[in-house]
Amino acid sequence: MATALIRDLYNIKPEHKGGVITIGNFDGVHIGHNVLINKLKERAKALHTHSIVMTFEPQPLEYFAREKGVARLTRWREKFCALAETGVDYVLVVRFNQKLADLSATDFVKNILVDQLAVEHVLVGDDFHFGHNREGNFEFLERAGKDAGFTVENISSVLVDGERVSSTRIRQALAQGNHDLLHLLGHPYTMMGRVVHGDKLGRALGFPTANIHLHRPITPVQGIYIVRMHGIENHGLPGVANVGIRPTIGGTRSLLEVYLFNFDRDIYGQYVSVEFCQKLRAEERYENLELLKEAIARDAEQARVYFEGRGEL
């Protein structure tokens, strides 16, 4: 069965009750998350019930940071797609608001896990905290489970090079321009979105771009990148991309612009995935458009050399 989405607690139905559940942000859906979800599915199968991943929108850190914001690895649609690929039965997305933030750990267990979901088994990571002021932890949950009639299990963090794999670690790597993240993510870093109409500046400069709104206030990547675009052909299309505000023309809103090599088709409205292969440099402001054009040409040439070396051009 395909992964089904449960939109908030008020949409919980009788068939959703009695499952095996895990709870967290799952930003990036990295290899640590996958270990946890695979164990979740194993437990559900052994108990002859269904598996549920509970996550939150906005993410709690986003909610509390407010004006600071958080550089999300995955916006909501990307996260759901990644969770669906794991084969979990249900994804329950809960709106994180002040009411939920104020909910004590005791009430979280009673009101949500017991009364609404009637969970049979709860599986969490070893760093799991929940409830008001993060007062609940694994030991608290274990005691509550004994009283309420559900079992609890924790999974140790996945370590790579002696360090815990986490969304924070992956964000830091991306911020430093390190895109060799297969060992942490289990897949290349990508961003998804719909191709939209832009101001056609790239076309005027001789480098027509596919423009994609990022739908997040802060991006984990910024600058010029070698990329592949997926979703148009049955293979990745090579190109070069800019993620930024385009300071040369006084831009203020972050945008993903992708120039594809040897490509001239109308793809407006198509939903695509952009794979970030390597960072070339930071975004810069140029004194005029001619200097900008020259910089784009240099970036494109570097990207061509990269793909030619891999036999993709």
Protein backbone atom coordinates (compact mmCIF):
# COMPACT_ATOMS: atom_id res chain seq x y z
CA MET A 1 0.00 0.00 0.00
CA ALA A 2 1.17 3.53 -0.73
CA THR A 3 2.02 5.79 2.20
CA ALA A 4 -1.09 7.68 3.31
CA LEU A 5 -1.05 11.18 4.78
CA ILE A 6 -3.00 12.02 7.93
CA ARG A 7 -3.46 15.79 8.04
CA ASP A 8 -3.39 16.73 11.73
CA LEU A 9 -4.87 15.09 14.81
CA TYR A 10 -8.52 15.85 13.96
CA ASN A 11 -8.25 13.54 10.92
CA ILE A 12 -7.28 10.47 12.93
CA LYS A 13 -9.74 7.69 12.11
CA PRO A 14 -10.39 4.30 13.78
CA GLU A 15 -8.17 2.52 11.24
CA HIS A 16 -5.22 4.67 12.32
CA LYS A 17 -5.38 3.48 15.92
CA GLY A 18 -3.33 0.69 17.47
CA GLY A 19 -0.19 1.12 15.38
CA VAL A 20 3.54 1.36 15.93
CA ILE A 21 4.70 4.99 15.92
CA THR A 22 7.85 7.08 15.83
CA ILE A 23 7.97 10.84 16.42
CA GLY A 24 10.36 13.53 15.20
CA ASN A 25 11.19 16.28 12.72
CA PHE A 26 12.83 14.00 10.12
CA ASP A 27 14.38 16.98 8.34
CA GLY A 28 16.39 15.61 5.42
CA VAL A 29 15.28 11.99 6.06
CA HIS A 30 18.93 10.91 6.44
CA ILE A 31 20.48 7.49 7.10
CA GLY A 32 19.83 7.75 10.84
CA HIS A 33 16.14 8.35 10.15
CA ASN A 34 16.09 5.41 7.75
CA VAL A 35 17.50 3.03 10.36
CA LEU A 36 14.76 4.14 12.75
CA ILE A 37 11.99 3.81 10.15
CA ASN A 38 13.18 0.39 9.00
CA LYS A 39 13.03 -0.81 12.61
CA LEU A 40 9.57 0.77 12.90
CA LYS A 41 8.34 -1.23 9.91
CA GLU A 42 9.86 -4.43 11.33
CA ARG A 43 8.06 -3.94 14.63
CA ALA A 44 4.76 -3.18 12.87
CA LYS A 45 5.06 -6.34 10.81
CA ALA A 46 5.89 -8.45 13.88
CA LEU A 47 2.90 -7.04 15.73
CA HIS A 48 0.60 -7.39 12.69
CA THR A 49 -0.28 -3.71 12.68
CA HIS A 50 0.59 -0.52 10.77
CA SER A 51 3.49 1.92 11.03
CA ILE A 52 3.11 5.67 11.61
CA VAL A 53 5.66 8.48 11.40
CA MET A 54 4.49 11.54 13.33
CA THR A 55 6.11 14.83 12.38
CA PHE A 56 5.36 18.53 12.84
CA GLU A 57 4.75 21.63 10.70
CA PRO A 58 6.24 24.07 11.27
CA GLN A 59 9.15 22.28 12.87
CA PRO A 60 9.34 23.21 16.58
CA LEU A 61 12.71 24.92 16.13
CA GLU A 62 11.20 27.08 13.38
CA TYR A 63 8.24 27.95 15.58
CA PHE A 64 10.37 29.06 18.51
CA ALA A 65 13.06 30.78 16.41
CA ARG A 66 10.39 32.82 14.57
CA GLU A 67 12.20 35.78 12.99
CA LYS A 68 15.59 34.01 12.99
CA GLY A 69 14.28 31.09 11.02
CA VAL A 70 15.94 27.75 10.34
CA ALA A 71 17.63 26.52 7.17
CA ARG A 72 15.45 23.52 6.44
CA LEU A 73 16.93 20.65 4.49
CA THR A 74 13.49 19.65 3.25
CA ARG A 75 10.32 21.67 2.90
CA TRP A 76 7.14 19.79 3.80
CA ARG A 77 6.39 18.31 0.36
CA GLU A 78 9.98 17.11 -0.03
CA LYS A 79 9.88 15.53 3.41
CA PHE A 80 6.63 13.70 2.73
CA CYS A 81 7.97 12.37 -0.58
CA ALA A 82 11.13 11.11 1.16
CA LEU A 83 9.13 9.48 3.97
CA ALA A 84 6.78 7.87 1.44
CA GLU A 85 9.79 6.33 -0.30
CA THR A 86 10.65 4.49 2.94
CA GLY A 87 7.40 2.53 2.66
CA VAL A 88 5.93 3.58 6.01
CA ASP A 89 2.14 3.08 6.15
CA TYR A 90 1.11 6.52 7.45
CA VAL A 91 2.65 9.94 7.90
CA LEU A 92 0.81 11.99 10.53
CA VAL A 93 1.66 15.69 10.23
CA VAL A 94 0.66 17.72 13.30
CA ARG A 95 0.41 21.50 13.26
CA PHE A 96 2.87 22.85 15.81
CA ASN A 97 1.36 25.86 17.58
CA GLN A 98 1.33 27.40 21.05
CA LYS A 99 -1.27 24.93 22.29
CA LEU A 100 0.96 22.01 21.35
CA ALA A 101 4.07 23.77 22.68
CA ASP A 102 2.35 24.20 26.06
CA LEU A 103 1.22 20.57 26.25
CA SER A 104 2.96 18.74 29.09
CA ALA A 105 4.71 15.44 28.42
CA THR A 106 2.03 13.71 30.51
CA ASP A 107 -0.80 15.21 28.47
CA PHE A 108 1.01 14.50 25.19
CA VAL A 109 1.06 10.83 26.09
CA LYS A 110 -2.50 10.71 27.40
CA ASN A 111 -4.25 12.95 24.88
CA ILE A 112 -2.41 11.99 21.71
CA LEU A 113 -0.64 8.65 22.04
CA VAL A 114 -3.29 6.95 24.19
CA ASP A 115 -6.68 8.63 23.66
CA GLN A 116 -6.36 9.54 19.99
CA LEU A 117 -3.94 6.95 18.58
CA ALA A 118 -4.15 4.06 21.07
CA VAL A 119 -0.58 3.17 20.14
CA GLU A 120 0.71 -0.34 20.67
CA HIS A 121 4.43 0.41 20.46
CA VAL A 122 6.53 3.60 20.36
CA LEU A 123 9.98 3.70 18.79
CA VAL A 124 12.22 6.77 19.27
CA GLY A 125 15.82 7.87 18.85
CA ASP A 126 18.10 8.04 21.87
CA ASP A 127 18.03 11.85 21.87
CA PHE A 128 14.22 12.07 21.88
CA HIS A 129 12.53 14.78 23.99
CA PHE A 130 8.92 15.96 23.95
CA GLY A 131 6.34 17.99 25.83
CA HIS A 132 6.51 21.49 27.32
CA ASN A 133 10.13 22.60 27.78
CA ARG A 134 11.21 19.20 26.42
CA GLU A 135 10.43 17.69 29.82
CA GLY A 136 9.67 14.22 28.44
CA ASN A 137 12.41 11.79 27.42
CA PHE A 138 12.78 8.08 26.75
CA GLU A 139 12.69 7.11 30.44
CA PHE A 140 9.56 9.19 30.98
CA LEU A 141 7.91 7.61 27.94
CA GLU A 142 8.86 4.14 29.10
CA ARG A 143 7.24 4.68 32.51
CA ALA A 144 4.14 6.18 30.91
CA GLY A 145 3.88 3.22 28.54
CA LYS A 146 3.87 0.74 31.41
CA ASP A 147 0.95 2.59 32.98
CA ALA A 148 -0.96 3.05 29.72
CA GLY A 149 -0.34 -0.36 28.17
CA PHE A 150 2.03 0.34 25.28
CA THR A 151 5.67 -0.68 24.89
CA VAL A 152 8.58 1.67 24.20
CA GLU A 153 11.92 1.11 22.48
CA ASN A 154 14.81 3.40 21.61
CA ILE A 155 17.30 3.15 18.76
CA SER A 156 20.90 4.28 19.15
CA SER A 157 22.11 7.09 16.94
CA VAL A 158 23.95 6.18 13.76
CA LEU A 159 27.60 7.23 13.92
CA VAL A 160 29.75 8.13 10.91
CA ASP A 161 33.42 8.96 11.50
CA GLY A 162 32.71 8.80 15.23
CA GLU A 163 30.04 11.52 15.08
CA ARG A 164 26.28 11.23 15.32
CA VAL A 165 24.43 11.65 12.01
CA SER A 166 21.97 14.51 12.42
CA SER A 167 20.13 17.11 10.38
CA THR A 168 22.27 19.78 12.08
CA ARG A 169 25.48 18.08 10.95
CA ILE A 170 24.21 17.92 7.37
CA ARG A 171 23.18 21.61 7.45
CA GLN A 172 26.65 22.54 8.65
CA ALA A 173 28.28 20.50 5.87
CA LEU A 174 26.12 22.20 3.23
CA ALA A 175 26.88 25.64 4.67
CA GLN A 176 30.59 24.83 4.34
CA GLY A 177 30.13 23.85 0.69
CA ASN A 178 30.57 20.14 1.34
CA HIS A 179 28.17 18.23 -0.90
CA ASP A 180 29.73 14.79 -0.55
CA LEU A 181 26.89 13.75 1.74
CA LEU A 182 25.99 10.28 0.49
CA HIS A 183 27.45 8.78 3.67
CA LEU A 184 25.14 10.96 5.80
CA LEU A 185 22.00 11.40 3.72
CA GLY A 186 22.12 8.12 1.85
CA HIS A 187 21.36 10.09 -1.32
CA PRO A 188 22.52 13.34 -2.98
CA TYR A 189 21.16 16.58 -1.55
CA THR A 190 18.24 17.84 -3.64
CA MET A 191 15.60 20.56 -3.68
CA MET A 192 12.22 20.22 -5.34
CA GLY A 193 9.86 22.76 -6.82
CA ARG A 194 7.80 23.88 -9.76
CA VAL A 195 9.38 25.75 -12.68
CA VAL A 196 7.91 29.27 -12.79
CA HIS A 197 8.20 32.32 -15.02
CA GLY A 198 10.97 34.74 -14.10
CA ASP A 199 12.09 38.12 -15.39
CA LYS A 200 13.86 36.48 -18.38
CA LEU A 201 17.18 38.14 -17.46
CA GLY A 202 19.08 34.88 -17.96
CA ARG A 203 17.68 34.55 -21.47
CA ALA A 204 18.71 38.13 -22.26
CA LEU A 205 22.25 37.30 -21.10
CA GLY A 206 22.37 34.16 -23.25
CA PHE A 207 21.82 31.74 -20.37
CA PRO A 208 18.07 30.96 -20.12
CA THR A 209 17.22 29.53 -16.72
CA ALA A 210 14.50 27.42 -15.16
CA ASN A 211 13.38 29.37 -12.11
CA ILE A 212 12.13 27.60 -8.99
CA HIS A 213 10.70 29.22 -5.85
CA LEU A 214 12.27 27.73 -2.73
CA HIS A 215 9.24 28.06 -0.41
CA ARG A 216 11.45 28.44 2.66
CA PRO A 217 12.67 31.64 4.32
CA ILE A 218 16.25 30.42 4.71
CA THR A 219 18.00 27.93 2.45
CA PRO A 220 20.75 25.51 3.55
CA VAL A 221 22.60 26.19 0.29
CA GLN A 222 23.58 29.54 -1.21
CA GLY A 223 25.80 30.35 -4.13
CA ILE A 224 26.72 28.84 -7.50
CA TYR A 225 26.52 25.07 -7.96
CA ILE A 226 27.04 22.29 -10.45
CA VAL A 227 23.67 20.51 -10.58
CA ARG A 228 21.54 17.85 -12.25
CA MET A 229 17.83 18.40 -12.80
CA HIS A 230 15.55 15.37 -12.48
CA GLY A 231 11.92 14.99 -13.48
CA ILE A 232 12.13 16.06 -17.13
CA GLU A 233 13.89 13.08 -18.73
CA ASN A 234 14.56 9.58 -17.43
CA HIS A 235 18.03 10.75 -16.42
CA GLY A 236 19.47 13.83 -14.75
CA LEU A 237 20.00 16.85 -16.98
CA PRO A 238 23.39 18.55 -16.36
CA GLY A 239 23.56 22.23 -15.60
CA VAL A 240 24.75 25.04 -13.38
CA ALA A 241 22.61 26.87 -10.83
CA ASN A 242 22.46 29.94 -8.67
CA VAL A 243 20.75 29.96 -5.28
CA GLY A 244 20.45 33.49 -3.97
CA ILE A 245 18.89 36.92 -4.15
CA ARG A 246 20.69 38.12 -7.32
CA PRO A 247 22.31 41.24 -5.79
CA THR A 248 23.52 42.60 -9.13
CA ILE A 249 19.93 43.46 -10.07
CA GLY A 250 18.84 44.38 -6.54
CA GLY A 251 16.99 41.17 -5.80
CA THR A 252 15.66 40.46 -2.30
CA ARG A 253 13.98 37.05 -2.54
CA SER A 254 15.97 33.82 -2.69
CA LEU A 255 15.43 31.91 -5.90
CA LEU A 256 16.86 28.77 -7.47
CA GLU A 257 17.83 29.40 -11.13
CA VAL A 258 19.10 26.50 -13.23
CA TYR A 259 20.81 26.80 -16.62
CA LEU A 260 20.68 23.44 -18.40
CA PHE A 261 23.23 22.50 -21.06
CA ASN A 262 22.06 21.59 -24.56
CA PHE A 263 18.43 22.07 -23.58
CA ASP A 264 15.74 24.25 -25.15
CA ARG A 265 12.25 23.13 -24.14
CA ASP A 266 9.32 24.79 -22.43
CA ILE A 267 9.11 23.21 -18.96
CA TYR A 268 7.06 25.87 -17.18
CA GLY A 269 4.79 24.32 -14.57
CA GLN A 270 6.74 21.08 -14.32
CA TYR A 271 7.67 19.80 -10.85
CA VAL A 272 11.38 19.02 -10.77
CA SER A 273 14.14 17.95 -8.41
CA VAL A 274 17.53 19.64 -8.48
CA GLU A 275 20.52 17.61 -7.29
CA PHE A 276 23.45 19.65 -5.95
CA CYS A 277 26.73 18.08 -7.06
CA GLN A 278 29.40 20.61 -6.15
CA LYS A 279 29.65 24.21 -4.99
CA LEU A 280 31.64 26.48 -7.28
CA ARG A 281 31.58 29.76 -5.36
CA ALA A 282 29.52 32.20 -3.33
CA GLU A 283 27.05 34.56 -4.99
CA GLU A 284 28.56 37.95 -5.81
CA ARG A 285 27.37 41.41 -6.78
CA TYR A 286 28.76 42.77 -10.06
CA GLU A 287 29.00 46.38 -11.20
CA ASN A 288 27.15 45.69 -14.44
CA LEU A 289 25.39 42.95 -16.39
CA GLU A 290 28.34 42.39 -18.71
CA LEU A 291 30.52 41.34 -15.75
CA LEU A 292 27.69 39.12 -14.51
CA LYS A 293 27.46 37.49 -17.94
CA GLU A 294 31.20 36.80 -17.95
CA ALA A 295 30.98 35.20 -14.49
CA ILE A 296 28.09 32.97 -15.57
CA ALA A 297 30.09 31.88 -18.62
CA ARG A 298 33.04 30.89 -16.39
CA ASP A 299 30.72 28.99 -14.05
CA ALA A 300 29.09 27.18 -16.95
CA GLU A 301 32.49 26.19 -18.36
CA GLN A 302 33.55 24.71 -14.99
CA ALA A 303 30.33 22.73 -14.85
CA ARG A 304 30.82 21.50 -18.42
CA VAL A 305 34.29 20.22 -17.56
CA TYR A 306 32.81 18.43 -14.52
CA PHE A 307 30.18 16.62 -16.61
CA GLU A 308 32.48 15.94 -19.56
CA GLY A 309 34.83 14.17 -17.16
CA ARG A 310 31.91 11.90 -16.22
CA GLY A 311 30.80 11.30 -19.79
CA GLU A 312 27.54 13.17 -19.34
CA LEU A 313 28.07 15.78 -22.04
